[in-house]
Amino acid sequence: MRKTANTQQNSAAGIAIQVPWRVCKVEVLAAFRFYVQFEDGTDGIVDMAQFLEQDCGVFKSLRNLETFNALSIQHGAVTWPGELDLAPDRMHDELQNADVYVVGRKLC
């Protein structure tokens, strides 16, 4: 895991900002998990199994494996049909400290 920031130009303001948390690769794994890689090289596995067992509101639709497996990247974030997404900055921060980010306790 690298901690190098990626600088992008904000064309509206003409300001260079650092956004190391933009997702550039995502791959579905078994058991409600996926591999994610960020533009700065940080990568790891995101495990949503525990989170989806809870009363997790709008994310309940992801309990359907076909829906969960339909994940994609939009605007640098991991997204699913129905306008669901996970905060890429949180995933990035968690994966800076561990190889696996277990989503759960604080999001539901």
PDB file of N, CA and C in Angstrom:
ATOM      1  N   MET A   1       0.831  -1.178   0.000  1.00  0.00           N
ATOM      2  CA  MET A   1       0.000   0.000   0.000  1.00  0.00           C
ATOM      3  C   MET A   1       0.876   1.242   0.000  1.00  0.00           C
ATOM      4  N   ARG A   2       0.589   2.166  -0.909  1.00  0.00           N
ATOM      5  CA  ARG A   2       1.314   3.427  -0.969  1.00  0.00           C
ATOM      6  C   ARG A   2       0.451   4.529  -0.393  1.00  0.00           C
ATOM      7  N   LYS A   3       1.088   5.599   0.029  1.00  0.00           N
ATOM      8  CA  LYS A   3       0.363   6.726   0.588  1.00  0.00           C
ATOM      9  C   LYS A   3       0.625   7.994  -0.212  1.00  0.00           C
ATOM     10  N   THR A   4       0.891   7.852  -1.502  1.00  0.00           N
ATOM     11  CA  THR A   4       1.158   8.991  -2.365  1.00  0.00           C
ATOM     12  C   THR A   4      -0.153   9.593  -2.832  1.00  0.00           C
ATOM     13  N   ALA A   5      -0.316  10.876  -2.692  1.00  0.00           N
ATOM     14  CA  ALA A   5      -1.552  11.540  -3.099  1.00  0.00           C
ATOM     15  C   ALA A   5      -1.557  11.794  -4.599  1.00  0.00           C
ATOM     16  N   ASN A   6      -2.740  11.747  -5.182  1.00  0.00           N
ATOM     17  CA  ASN A   6      -2.940  12.045  -6.593  1.00  0.00           C
ATOM     18  C   ASN A   6      -3.521  13.452  -6.678  1.00  0.00           C
ATOM     19  N   THR A   7      -2.901  14.323  -7.447  1.00  0.00           N
ATOM     20  CA  THR A   7      -3.392  15.684  -7.585  1.00  0.00           C
ATOM     21  C   THR A   7      -4.183  15.805  -8.875  1.00  0.00           C
ATOM     22  N   GLN A   8      -5.380  16.359  -8.766  1.00  0.00           N
ATOM     23  CA  GLN A   8      -6.221  16.596  -9.930  1.00  0.00           C
ATOM     24  C   GLN A   8      -6.558  18.076  -9.993  1.00  0.00           C
ATOM     25  N   GLN A   9      -6.791  18.561 -11.188  1.00  0.00           N
ATOM     26  CA  GLN A   9      -7.116  19.956 -11.389  1.00  0.00           C
ATOM     27  C   GLN A   9      -8.619  20.161 -11.296  1.00  0.00           C
ATOM     28  N   ASN A  10      -9.056  21.096 -10.478  1.00  0.00           N
ATOM     29  CA  ASN A  10     -10.452  21.486 -10.413  1.00  0.00           C
ATOM     30  C   ASN A  10     -10.647  22.544 -11.477  1.00  0.00           C
ATOM     31  N   SER A  11     -11.221  22.149 -12.623  1.00  0.00           N
ATOM     32  CA  SER A  11     -11.299  23.050 -13.771  1.00  0.00           C
ATOM     33  C   SER A  11     -12.175  24.259 -13.514  1.00  0.00           C
ATOM     34  N   ALA A  12     -13.177  24.144 -12.673  1.00  0.00           N
ATOM     35  CA  ALA A  12     -14.058  25.278 -12.400  1.00  0.00           C
ATOM     36  C   ALA A  12     -13.334  26.359 -11.608  1.00  0.00           C
ATOM     37  N   ALA A  13     -12.543  25.969 -10.646  1.00  0.00           N
ATOM     38  CA  ALA A  13     -11.881  26.941  -9.786  1.00  0.00           C
ATOM     39  C   ALA A  13     -10.417  27.158 -10.153  1.00  0.00           C
ATOM     40  N   GLY A  14      -9.853  26.270 -10.983  1.00  0.00           N
ATOM     41  CA  GLY A  14      -8.444  26.380 -11.333  1.00  0.00           C
ATOM     42  C   GLY A  14      -7.518  26.043 -10.181  1.00  0.00           C
ATOM     43  N   ILE A  15      -8.007  25.217  -9.267  1.00  0.00           N
ATOM     44  CA  ILE A  15      -7.247  24.870  -8.070  1.00  0.00           C
ATOM     45  C   ILE A  15      -6.849  23.403  -8.143  1.00  0.00           C
ATOM     46  N   ALA A  16      -5.591  23.108  -7.818  1.00  0.00           N
ATOM     47  CA  ALA A  16      -5.139  21.721  -7.749  1.00  0.00           C
ATOM     48  C   ALA A  16      -5.503  21.169  -6.372  1.00  0.00           C
ATOM     49  N   ILE A  17      -6.200  20.036  -6.356  1.00  0.00           N
ATOM     50  CA  ILE A  17      -6.577  19.414  -5.092  1.00  0.00           C
ATOM     51  C   ILE A  17      -6.064  17.981  -5.064  1.00  0.00           C
ATOM     52  N   GLN A  18      -5.826  17.464  -3.863  1.00  0.00           N
ATOM     53  CA  GLN A  18      -5.355  16.099  -3.723  1.00  0.00           C
ATOM     54  C   GLN A  18      -6.537  15.188  -3.462  1.00  0.00           C
ATOM     55  N   VAL A  19      -6.650  14.123  -4.267  1.00  0.00           N
ATOM     56  CA  VAL A  19      -7.723  13.150  -4.094  1.00  0.00           C
ATOM     57  C   VAL A  19      -7.150  11.742  -4.237  1.00  0.00           C
ATOM     58  N   PRO A  20      -6.481  11.248  -3.217  1.00  0.00           N
ATOM     59  CA  PRO A  20      -5.871   9.920  -3.295  1.00  0.00           C
ATOM     60  C   PRO A  20      -6.908   8.809  -3.256  1.00  0.00           C
ATOM     61  N   TRP A  21      -8.132   9.114  -2.878  1.00  0.00           N
ATOM     62  CA  TRP A  21      -9.154   8.116  -2.654  1.00  0.00           C
ATOM     63  C   TRP A  21      -9.997   7.778  -3.883  1.00  0.00           C
ATOM     64  N   ARG A  22      -9.676   8.254  -5.052  1.00  0.00           N
ATOM     65  CA  ARG A  22     -10.455   7.912  -6.247  1.00  0.00           C
ATOM     66  C   ARG A  22     -10.210   6.446  -6.616  1.00  0.00           C
ATOM     67  N   VAL A  23     -11.283   5.691  -6.722  1.00  0.00           N
ATOM     68  CA  VAL A  23     -11.211   4.274  -7.072  1.00  0.00           C
ATOM     69  C   VAL A  23     -10.910   4.139  -8.558  1.00  0.00           C
ATOM     70  N   CYS A  24      -9.949   3.270  -8.893  1.00  0.00           N
ATOM     71  CA  CYS A  24      -9.615   3.047 -10.302  1.00  0.00           C
ATOM     72  C   CYS A  24      -9.858   1.597 -10.721  1.00  0.00           C
ATOM     73  N   LYS A  25     -10.027   0.690  -9.742  1.00  0.00           N
ATOM     74  CA  LYS A  25     -10.264  -0.714 -10.074  1.00  0.00           C
ATOM     75  C   LYS A  25     -11.109  -1.347  -8.987  1.00  0.00           C
ATOM     76  N   VAL A  26     -12.057  -2.190  -9.413  1.00  0.00           N
ATOM     77  CA  VAL A  26     -12.881  -2.927  -8.465  1.00  0.00           C
ATOM     78  C   VAL A  26     -13.180  -4.294  -9.060  1.00  0.00           C
ATOM     79  N   GLU A  27     -13.158  -5.308  -8.204  1.00  0.00           N
ATOM     80  CA  GLU A  27     -13.396  -6.683  -8.663  1.00  0.00           C
ATOM     81  C   GLU A  27     -14.216  -7.418  -7.607  1.00  0.00           C
ATOM     82  N   VAL A  28     -15.322  -7.995  -8.015  1.00  0.00           N
ATOM     83  CA  VAL A  28     -16.189  -8.737  -7.101  1.00  0.00           C
ATOM     84  C   VAL A  28     -15.493 -10.014  -6.645  1.00  0.00           C
ATOM     85  N   LEU A  29     -15.585 -10.297  -5.351  1.00  0.00           N
ATOM     86  CA  LEU A  29     -15.092 -11.533  -4.762  1.00  0.00           C
ATOM     87  C   LEU A  29     -16.288 -12.285  -4.170  1.00  0.00           C
ATOM     88  N   ALA A  30     -16.055 -13.439  -3.614  1.00  0.00           N
ATOM     89  CA  ALA A  30     -17.126 -14.233  -3.011  1.00  0.00           C
ATOM     90  C   ALA A  30     -17.579 -13.627  -1.681  1.00  0.00           C
ATOM     91  N   ALA A  31     -18.760 -14.029  -1.247  1.00  0.00           N
ATOM     92  CA  ALA A  31     -19.273 -13.748   0.099  1.00  0.00           C
ATOM     93  C   ALA A  31     -19.392 -12.257   0.415  1.00  0.00           C
ATOM     94  N   PHE A  32     -19.945 -11.477  -0.514  1.00  0.00           N
ATOM     95  CA  PHE A  32     -20.198 -10.053  -0.308  1.00  0.00           C
ATOM     96  C   PHE A  32     -18.926  -9.267   0.000  1.00  0.00           C
ATOM     97  N   ARG A  33     -17.885  -9.598  -0.750  1.00  0.00           N
ATOM     98  CA  ARG A  33     -16.614  -8.891  -0.636  1.00  0.00           C
ATOM     99  C   ARG A  33     -16.204  -8.409  -2.017  1.00  0.00           C
ATOM    100  N   PHE A  34     -15.349  -7.406  -2.048  1.00  0.00           N
ATOM    101  CA  PHE A  34     -14.762  -6.967  -3.311  1.00  0.00           C
ATOM    102  C   PHE A  34     -13.364  -6.415  -3.072  1.00  0.00           C
ATOM    103  N   TYR A  35     -12.567  -6.509  -4.117  1.00  0.00           N
ATOM    104  CA  TYR A  35     -11.220  -5.944  -4.129  1.00  0.00           C
ATOM    105  C   TYR A  35     -11.335  -4.538  -4.704  1.00  0.00           C
ATOM    106  N   VAL A  36     -10.628  -3.593  -4.117  1.00  0.00           N
ATOM    107  CA  VAL A  36     -10.653  -2.219  -4.604  1.00  0.00           C
ATOM    108  C   VAL A  36      -9.226  -1.687  -4.662  1.00  0.00           C
ATOM    109  N   GLN A  37      -8.947  -0.890  -5.700  1.00  0.00           N
ATOM    110  CA  GLN A  37      -7.655  -0.221  -5.824  1.00  0.00           C
ATOM    111  C   GLN A  37      -7.914   1.248  -6.101  1.00  0.00           C
ATOM    112  N   PHE A  38      -7.122   2.091  -5.448  1.00  0.00           N
ATOM    113  CA  PHE A  38      -7.245   3.536  -5.597  1.00  0.00           C
ATOM    114  C   PHE A  38      -6.133   4.062  -6.489  1.00  0.00           C
ATOM    115  N   GLU A  39      -6.325   5.257  -7.005  1.00  0.00           N
ATOM    116  CA  GLU A  39      -5.359   5.839  -7.938  1.00  0.00           C
ATOM    117  C   GLU A  39      -3.971   6.004  -7.337  1.00  0.00           C
ATOM    118  N   ASP A  40      -3.864   6.121  -6.024  1.00  0.00           N
ATOM    119  CA  ASP A  40      -2.544   6.283  -5.409  1.00  0.00           C
ATOM    120  C   ASP A  40      -1.869   4.950  -5.106  1.00  0.00           C
ATOM    121  N   GLY A  41      -2.499   3.837  -5.502  1.00  0.00           N
ATOM    122  CA  GLY A  41      -1.912   2.520  -5.296  1.00  0.00           C
ATOM    123  C   GLY A  41      -2.421   1.795  -4.063  1.00  0.00           C
ATOM    124  N   THR A  42      -3.084   2.478  -3.160  1.00  0.00           N
ATOM    125  CA  THR A  42      -3.680   1.829  -1.998  1.00  0.00           C
ATOM    126  C   THR A  42      -4.708   0.817  -2.492  1.00  0.00           C
ATOM    127  N   ASP A  43      -4.690  -0.381  -1.899  1.00  0.00           N
ATOM    128  CA  ASP A  43      -5.653  -1.394  -2.318  1.00  0.00           C
ATOM    129  C   ASP A  43      -5.964  -2.326  -1.162  1.00  0.00           C
ATOM    130  N   GLY A  44      -6.990  -3.139  -1.354  1.00  0.00           N
ATOM    131  CA  GLY A  44      -7.360  -4.102  -0.337  1.00  0.00           C
ATOM    132  C   GLY A  44      -8.731  -4.673  -0.608  1.00  0.00           C
ATOM    133  N   ILE A  45      -9.224  -5.400   0.375  1.00  0.00           N
ATOM    134  CA  ILE A  45     -10.516  -6.063   0.255  1.00  0.00           C
ATOM    135  C   ILE A  45     -11.518  -5.368   1.168  1.00  0.00           C
ATOM    136  N   VAL A  46     -12.703  -5.150   0.639  1.00  0.00           N
ATOM    137  CA  VAL A  46     -13.809  -4.591   1.411  1.00  0.00           C
ATOM    138  C   VAL A  46     -14.804  -5.720   1.649  1.00  0.00           C
ATOM    139  N   ASP A  47     -15.101  -5.995   2.913  1.00  0.00           N
ATOM    140  CA  ASP A  47     -15.992  -7.073   3.315  1.00  0.00           C
ATOM    141  C   ASP A  47     -17.285  -6.463   3.849  1.00  0.00           C
ATOM    142  N   MET A  48     -18.394  -6.696   3.134  1.00  0.00           N
ATOM    143  CA  MET A  48     -19.676  -6.118   3.519  1.00  0.00           C
ATOM    144  C   MET A  48     -20.629  -7.139   4.129  1.00  0.00           C
ATOM    145  N   ALA A  49     -20.218  -8.375   4.326  1.00  0.00           N
ATOM    146  CA  ALA A  49     -21.113  -9.435   4.808  1.00  0.00           C
ATOM    147  C   ALA A  49     -21.748  -9.074   6.150  1.00  0.00           C
ATOM    148  N   GLN A  50     -20.966  -8.671   7.113  1.00  0.00           N
ATOM    149  CA  GLN A  50     -21.481  -8.327   8.441  1.00  0.00           C
ATOM    150  C   GLN A  50     -22.436  -7.139   8.352  1.00  0.00           C
ATOM    151  N   PHE A  51     -22.072  -6.146   7.590  1.00  0.00           N
ATOM    152  CA  PHE A  51     -22.898  -4.955   7.403  1.00  0.00           C
ATOM    153  C   PHE A  51     -24.265  -5.313   6.841  1.00  0.00           C
ATOM    154  N   LEU A  52     -24.302  -6.197   5.862  1.00  0.00           N
ATOM    155  CA  LEU A  52     -25.561  -6.546   5.204  1.00  0.00           C
ATOM    156  C   LEU A  52     -26.454  -7.435   6.061  1.00  0.00           C
ATOM    157  N   GLU A  53     -25.914  -8.020   7.119  1.00  0.00           N
ATOM    158  CA  GLU A  53     -26.724  -8.804   8.054  1.00  0.00           C
ATOM    159  C   GLU A  53     -27.482  -7.906   9.024  1.00  0.00           C
ATOM    160  N   GLN A  54     -27.058  -6.667   9.164  1.00  0.00           N
ATOM    161  CA  GLN A  54     -27.681  -5.707  10.070  1.00  0.00           C
ATOM    162  C   GLN A  54     -28.875  -5.046   9.394  1.00  0.00           C
ATOM    163  N   ASP A  55     -29.587  -4.234  10.163  1.00  0.00           N
ATOM    164  CA  ASP A  55     -30.640  -3.404   9.580  1.00  0.00           C
ATOM    165  C   ASP A  55     -29.933  -2.215   8.947  1.00  0.00           C
ATOM    166  N   CYS A  56     -29.613  -2.340   7.674  1.00  0.00           N
ATOM    167  CA  CYS A  56     -28.741  -1.363   7.014  1.00  0.00           C
ATOM    168  C   CYS A  56     -29.471  -0.467   6.017  1.00  0.00           C
ATOM    169  N   GLY A  57     -30.758  -0.258   6.215  1.00  0.00           N
ATOM    170  CA  GLY A  57     -31.508   0.711   5.431  1.00  0.00           C
ATOM    171  C   GLY A  57     -31.498   0.448   3.942  1.00  0.00           C
ATOM    172  N   VAL A  58     -31.169   1.457   3.159  1.00  0.00           N
ATOM    173  CA  VAL A  58     -31.219   1.356   1.699  1.00  0.00           C
ATOM    174  C   VAL A  58     -30.275   0.304   1.143  1.00  0.00           C
ATOM    175  N   PHE A  59     -29.292  -0.089   1.918  1.00  0.00           N
ATOM    176  CA  PHE A  59     -28.335  -1.091   1.448  1.00  0.00           C
ATOM    177  C   PHE A  59     -28.892  -2.510   1.484  1.00  0.00           C
ATOM    178  N   LYS A  60     -30.102  -2.697   2.008  1.00  0.00           N
ATOM    179  CA  LYS A  60     -30.719  -4.031   2.077  1.00  0.00           C
ATOM    180  C   LYS A  60     -30.790  -4.686   0.707  1.00  0.00           C
ATOM    181  N   SER A  61     -30.955  -3.903  -0.334  1.00  0.00           N
ATOM    182  CA  SER A  61     -31.044  -4.472  -1.685  1.00  0.00           C
ATOM    183  C   SER A  61     -29.765  -5.207  -2.079  1.00  0.00           C
ATOM    184  N   LEU A  62     -28.645  -4.882  -1.421  1.00  0.00           N
ATOM    185  CA  LEU A  62     -27.378  -5.540  -1.742  1.00  0.00           C
ATOM    186  C   LEU A  62     -27.284  -6.943  -1.164  1.00  0.00           C
ATOM    187  N   ARG A  63     -28.256  -7.334  -0.359  1.00  0.00           N
ATOM    188  CA  ARG A  63     -28.303  -8.711   0.131  1.00  0.00           C
ATOM    189  C   ARG A  63     -28.566  -9.685  -1.004  1.00  0.00           C
ATOM    190  N   ASN A  64     -29.143  -9.182  -2.082  1.00  0.00           N
ATOM    191  CA  ASN A  64     -29.330  -9.974  -3.293  1.00  0.00           C
ATOM    192  C   ASN A  64     -27.975 -10.030  -3.987  1.00  0.00           C
ATOM    193  N   LEU A  65     -27.427 -11.238  -4.112  1.00  0.00           N
ATOM    194  CA  LEU A  65     -26.079 -11.396  -4.650  1.00  0.00           C
ATOM    195  C   LEU A  65     -25.945 -10.840  -6.066  1.00  0.00           C
ATOM    196  N   GLU A  66     -26.978 -10.990  -6.879  1.00  0.00           N
ATOM    197  CA  GLU A  66     -26.925 -10.455  -8.244  1.00  0.00           C
ATOM    198  C   GLU A  66     -26.801  -8.930  -8.218  1.00  0.00           C
ATOM    199  N   THR A  67     -27.530  -8.287  -7.332  1.00  0.00           N
ATOM    200  CA  THR A  67     -27.442  -6.829  -7.202  1.00  0.00           C
ATOM    201  C   THR A  67     -26.071  -6.433  -6.664  1.00  0.00           C
ATOM    202  N   PHE A  68     -25.592  -7.136  -5.643  1.00  0.00           N
ATOM    203  CA  PHE A  68     -24.273  -6.831  -5.083  1.00  0.00           C
ATOM    204  C   PHE A  68     -23.195  -6.953  -6.149  1.00  0.00           C
ATOM    205  N   ASN A  69     -23.269  -8.003  -6.947  1.00  0.00           N
ATOM    206  CA  ASN A  69     -22.248  -8.252  -7.972  1.00  0.00           C
ATOM    207  C   ASN A  69     -22.307  -7.266  -9.128  1.00  0.00           C
ATOM    208  N   ALA A  70     -23.320  -6.423  -9.184  1.00  0.00           N
ATOM    209  CA  ALA A  70     -23.451  -5.416 -10.246  1.00  0.00           C
ATOM    210  C   ALA A  70     -22.698  -4.134  -9.905  1.00  0.00           C
ATOM    211  N   LEU A  71     -21.763  -4.196  -8.980  1.00  0.00           N
ATOM    212  CA  LEU A  71     -21.023  -2.999  -8.608  1.00  0.00           C
ATOM    213  C   LEU A  71     -20.179  -2.488  -9.771  1.00  0.00           C
ATOM    214  N   SER A  72     -19.921  -1.198  -9.732  1.00  0.00           N
ATOM    215  CA  SER A  72     -19.108  -0.555 -10.764  1.00  0.00           C
ATOM    216  C   SER A  72     -18.448   0.682 -10.153  1.00  0.00           C
ATOM    217  N   ILE A  73     -17.698   1.383 -10.964  1.00  0.00           N
ATOM    218  CA  ILE A  73     -17.053   2.620 -10.522  1.00  0.00           C
ATOM    219  C   ILE A  73     -17.710   3.780 -11.257  1.00  0.00           C
ATOM    220  N   GLN A  74     -18.153   4.770 -10.511  1.00  0.00           N
ATOM    221  CA  GLN A  74     -18.681   6.001 -11.090  1.00  0.00           C
ATOM    222  C   GLN A  74     -18.114   7.179 -10.310  1.00  0.00           C
ATOM    223  N   HIS A  75     -17.521   8.106 -11.021  1.00  0.00           N
ATOM    224  CA  HIS A  75     -16.961   9.318 -10.412  1.00  0.00           C
ATOM    225  C   HIS A  75     -15.989   8.995  -9.273  1.00  0.00           C
ATOM    226  N   GLY A  76     -15.215   7.921  -9.435  1.00  0.00           N
ATOM    227  CA  GLY A  76     -14.202   7.571  -8.447  1.00  0.00           C
ATOM    228  C   GLY A  76     -14.726   6.866  -7.218  1.00  0.00           C
ATOM    229  N   ALA A  77     -15.985   6.410  -7.257  1.00  0.00           N
ATOM    230  CA  ALA A  77     -16.580   5.712  -6.113  1.00  0.00           C
ATOM    231  C   ALA A  77     -17.152   4.368  -6.551  1.00  0.00           C
ATOM    232  N   VAL A  78     -17.207   3.412  -5.633  1.00  0.00           N
ATOM    233  CA  VAL A  78     -17.843   2.123  -5.885  1.00  0.00           C
ATOM    234  C   VAL A  78     -19.348   2.332  -5.764  1.00  0.00           C
ATOM    235  N   THR A  79     -20.077   1.951  -6.805  1.00  0.00           N
ATOM    236  CA  THR A  79     -21.520   2.174  -6.834  1.00  0.00           C
ATOM    237  C   THR A  79     -22.268   0.908  -7.242  1.00  0.00           C
ATOM    238  N   TRP A  80     -23.570   0.917  -6.939  1.00  0.00           N
ATOM    239  CA  TRP A  80     -24.478  -0.158  -7.332  1.00  0.00           C
ATOM    240  C   TRP A  80     -25.720   0.458  -7.947  1.00  0.00           C
ATOM    241  N   PRO A  81     -26.510  -0.359  -8.638  1.00  0.00           N
ATOM    242  CA  PRO A  81     -27.794   0.137  -9.161  1.00  0.00           C
ATOM    243  C   PRO A  81     -28.642   0.710  -8.021  1.00  0.00           C
ATOM    244  N   GLY A  82     -29.447   1.686  -8.339  1.00  0.00           N
ATOM    245  CA  GLY A  82     -30.280   2.320  -7.325  1.00  0.00           C
ATOM    246  C   GLY A  82     -29.575   3.468  -6.627  1.00  0.00           C
ATOM    247  N   GLU A  83     -28.509   3.963  -7.235  1.00  0.00           N
ATOM    248  CA  GLU A  83     -27.758   5.105  -6.719  1.00  0.00           C
ATOM    249  C   GLU A  83     -27.149   4.852  -5.336  1.00  0.00           C
ATOM    250  N   LEU A  84     -26.725   3.623  -5.093  1.00  0.00           N
ATOM    251  CA  LEU A  84     -26.037   3.280  -3.848  1.00  0.00           C
ATOM    252  C   LEU A  84     -24.536   3.391  -4.052  1.00  0.00           C
ATOM    253  N   ASP A  85     -23.837   3.900  -3.062  1.00  0.00           N
ATOM    254  CA  ASP A  85     -22.377   3.955  -3.134  1.00  0.00           C
ATOM    255  C   ASP A  85     -21.788   3.950  -1.731  1.00  0.00           C
ATOM    256  N   LEU A  86     -20.508   3.634  -1.676  1.00  0.00           N
ATOM    257  CA  LEU A  86     -19.766   3.709  -0.421  1.00  0.00           C
ATOM    258  C   LEU A  86     -18.795   4.874  -0.519  1.00  0.00           C
ATOM    259  N   ALA A  87     -18.589   5.528   0.605  1.00  0.00           N
ATOM    260  CA  ALA A  87     -17.681   6.674   0.639  1.00  0.00           C
ATOM    261  C   ALA A  87     -16.259   6.209   0.327  1.00  0.00           C
ATOM    262  N   PRO A  88     -15.688   6.630  -0.803  1.00  0.00           N
ATOM    263  CA  PRO A  88     -14.347   6.171  -1.162  1.00  0.00           C
ATOM    264  C   PRO A  88     -13.280   6.670  -0.202  1.00  0.00           C
ATOM    265  N   ASP A  89     -13.464   7.838   0.376  1.00  0.00           N
ATOM    266  CA  ASP A  89     -12.462   8.354   1.309  1.00  0.00           C
ATOM    267  C   ASP A  89     -12.391   7.494   2.569  1.00  0.00           C
ATOM    268  N   ARG A  90     -13.527   7.006   3.033  1.00  0.00           N
ATOM    269  CA  ARG A  90     -13.535   6.127   4.216  1.00  0.00           C
ATOM    270  C   ARG A  90     -12.851   4.799   3.902  1.00  0.00           C
ATOM    271  N   MET A  91     -13.189   4.205   2.732  1.00  0.00           N
ATOM    272  CA  MET A  91     -12.542   2.947   2.343  1.00  0.00           C
ATOM    273  C   MET A  91     -11.034   3.143   2.262  1.00  0.00           C
ATOM    274  N   HIS A  92     -10.618   4.234   1.640  1.00  0.00           N
ATOM    275  CA  HIS A  92      -9.194   4.530   1.478  1.00  0.00           C
ATOM    276  C   HIS A  92      -8.511   4.631   2.836  1.00  0.00           C
ATOM    277  N   ASP A  93      -9.114   5.387   3.755  1.00  0.00           N
ATOM    278  CA  ASP A  93      -8.527   5.546   5.083  1.00  0.00           C
ATOM    279  C   ASP A  93      -8.394   4.206   5.796  1.00  0.00           C
ATOM    280  N   GLU A  94      -9.449   3.390   5.742  1.00  0.00           N
ATOM    281  CA  GLU A  94      -9.429   2.085   6.411  1.00  0.00           C
ATOM    282  C   GLU A  94      -8.368   1.170   5.813  1.00  0.00           C
ATOM    283  N   LEU A  95      -8.221   1.198   4.480  1.00  0.00           N
ATOM    284  CA  LEU A  95      -7.261   0.316   3.811  1.00  0.00           C
ATOM    285  C   LEU A  95      -5.827   0.835   3.910  1.00  0.00           C
ATOM    286  N   GLN A  96      -5.640   2.026   4.385  1.00  0.00           N
ATOM    287  CA  GLN A  96      -4.295   2.516   4.682  1.00  0.00           C
ATOM    288  C   GLN A  96      -3.734   1.790   5.906  1.00  0.00           C
ATOM    289  N   ASN A  97      -4.624   1.299   6.769  1.00  0.00           N
ATOM    290  CA  ASN A  97      -4.232   0.684   8.034  1.00  0.00           C
ATOM    291  C   ASN A  97      -4.386  -0.830   8.075  1.00  0.00           C
ATOM    292  N   ALA A  98      -5.073  -1.410   7.102  1.00  0.00           N
ATOM    293  CA  ALA A  98      -5.319  -2.858   7.107  1.00  0.00           C
ATOM    294  C   ALA A  98      -5.558  -3.330   5.675  1.00  0.00           C
ATOM    295  N   ASP A  99      -5.335  -4.623   5.441  1.00  0.00           N
ATOM    296  CA  ASP A  99      -5.562  -5.192   4.111  1.00  0.00           C
ATOM    297  C   ASP A  99      -7.032  -5.474   3.839  1.00  0.00           C
ATOM    298  N   VAL A 100      -7.847  -5.554   4.916  1.00  0.00           N
ATOM    299  CA  VAL A 100      -9.277  -5.809   4.786  1.00  0.00           C
ATOM    300  C   VAL A 100     -10.039  -4.764   5.588  1.00  0.00           C
ATOM    301  N   TYR A 101     -11.014  -4.149   4.952  1.00  0.00           N
ATOM    302  CA  TYR A 101     -11.910  -3.203   5.620  1.00  0.00           C
ATOM    303  C   TYR A 101     -13.245  -3.911   5.800  1.00  0.00           C
ATOM    304  N   VAL A 102     -13.622  -4.166   7.049  1.00  0.00           N
ATOM    305  CA  VAL A 102     -14.899  -4.803   7.354  1.00  0.00           C
ATOM    306  C   VAL A 102     -15.906  -3.690   7.608  1.00  0.00           C
ATOM    307  N   VAL A 103     -16.808  -3.494   6.657  1.00  0.00           N
ATOM    308  CA  VAL A 103     -17.834  -2.465   6.774  1.00  0.00           C
ATOM    309  C   VAL A 103     -18.828  -2.924   7.828  1.00  0.00           C
ATOM    310  N   GLY A 104     -19.297  -2.014   8.644  1.00  0.00           N
ATOM    311  CA  GLY A 104     -20.281  -2.444   9.623  1.00  0.00           C
ATOM    312  C   GLY A 104     -20.540  -1.451  10.714  1.00  0.00           C
ATOM    313  N   ARG A 105     -20.017  -1.705  11.806  1.00  0.00           N
ATOM    314  CA  ARG A 105     -20.338  -1.059  13.061  1.00  0.00           C
ATOM    315  C   ARG A 105     -20.737   0.402  12.980  1.00  0.00           C
ATOM    316  N   LYS A 106     -20.028   1.225  12.252  1.00  0.00           N
ATOM    317  CA  LYS A 106     -20.269   2.676  12.295  1.00  0.00           C
ATOM    318  C   LYS A 106     -21.177   3.180  11.171  1.00  0.00           C
ATOM    319  N   LEU A 107     -21.482   2.380  10.166  1.00  0.00           N
ATOM    320  CA  LEU A 107     -22.251   2.887   9.031  1.00  0.00           C
ATOM    321  C   LEU A 107     -23.744   2.634   9.139  1.00  0.00           C
ATOM    322  N   CYS A 108     -24.165   1.711   9.930  1.00  0.00           N
ATOM    323  CA  CYS A 108     -25.592   1.368  10.008  1.00  0.00           C
ATOM    324  C   CYS A 108     -26.228   1.979  11.227  1.00  0.00           C
TER     325      CYS A 108
END
